Amino acid sequence: MAAYADEQYGKLQREKDQHISLDEYCAKRGF
């Protein structure tokens, strides 16, 4: 799951061009 989260996080960063912490991302995704 970590690898998947990292991949999706990378895509999110590129698509949205915004900087959020990995903790925030995981919390929003429910990881």
Protein backbone atom coordinates (compact mmCIF):
# COMPACT_ATOMS: atom_id res chain seq x y z
CA MET A 1 0.00 0.00 0.00
CA ALA A 2 2.88 2.36 0.71
CA ALA A 3 4.18 2.08 -2.85
CA TYR A 4 0.70 2.77 -4.20
CA ALA A 5 0.32 5.78 -1.92
CA ASP A 6 3.69 7.13 -3.04
CA GLU A 7 2.69 6.75 -6.69
CA GLN A 8 -0.67 8.45 -6.21
CA TYR A 9 0.96 11.18 -4.11
CA GLY A 10 3.42 11.88 -6.91
CA LYS A 11 0.59 12.12 -9.43
CA LEU A 12 -1.36 14.43 -7.13
CA GLN A 13 1.63 16.74 -6.71
CA ARG A 14 2.12 16.99 -10.48
CA GLU A 15 -1.54 17.36 -11.37
CA LYS A 16 -2.48 19.85 -8.68
CA ASP A 17 0.93 21.52 -8.44
CA GLN A 18 0.46 22.03 -4.74
CA HIS A 19 2.60 21.15 -1.75
CA ILE A 20 0.99 19.19 1.04
CA SER A 21 2.65 17.07 3.64
CA LEU A 22 2.59 13.30 3.28
CA ASP A 23 0.81 13.13 6.64
CA GLU A 24 -1.99 15.34 5.33
CA TYR A 25 -2.24 13.27 2.17
CA CYS A 26 -2.42 10.00 4.08
CA ALA A 27 -4.99 11.41 6.47
CA LYS A 28 -7.19 12.55 3.58
CA ARG A 29 -6.84 9.18 1.85
CA GLY A 30 -7.45 7.26 5.07
CA PHE A 31 -4.12 5.40 5.02
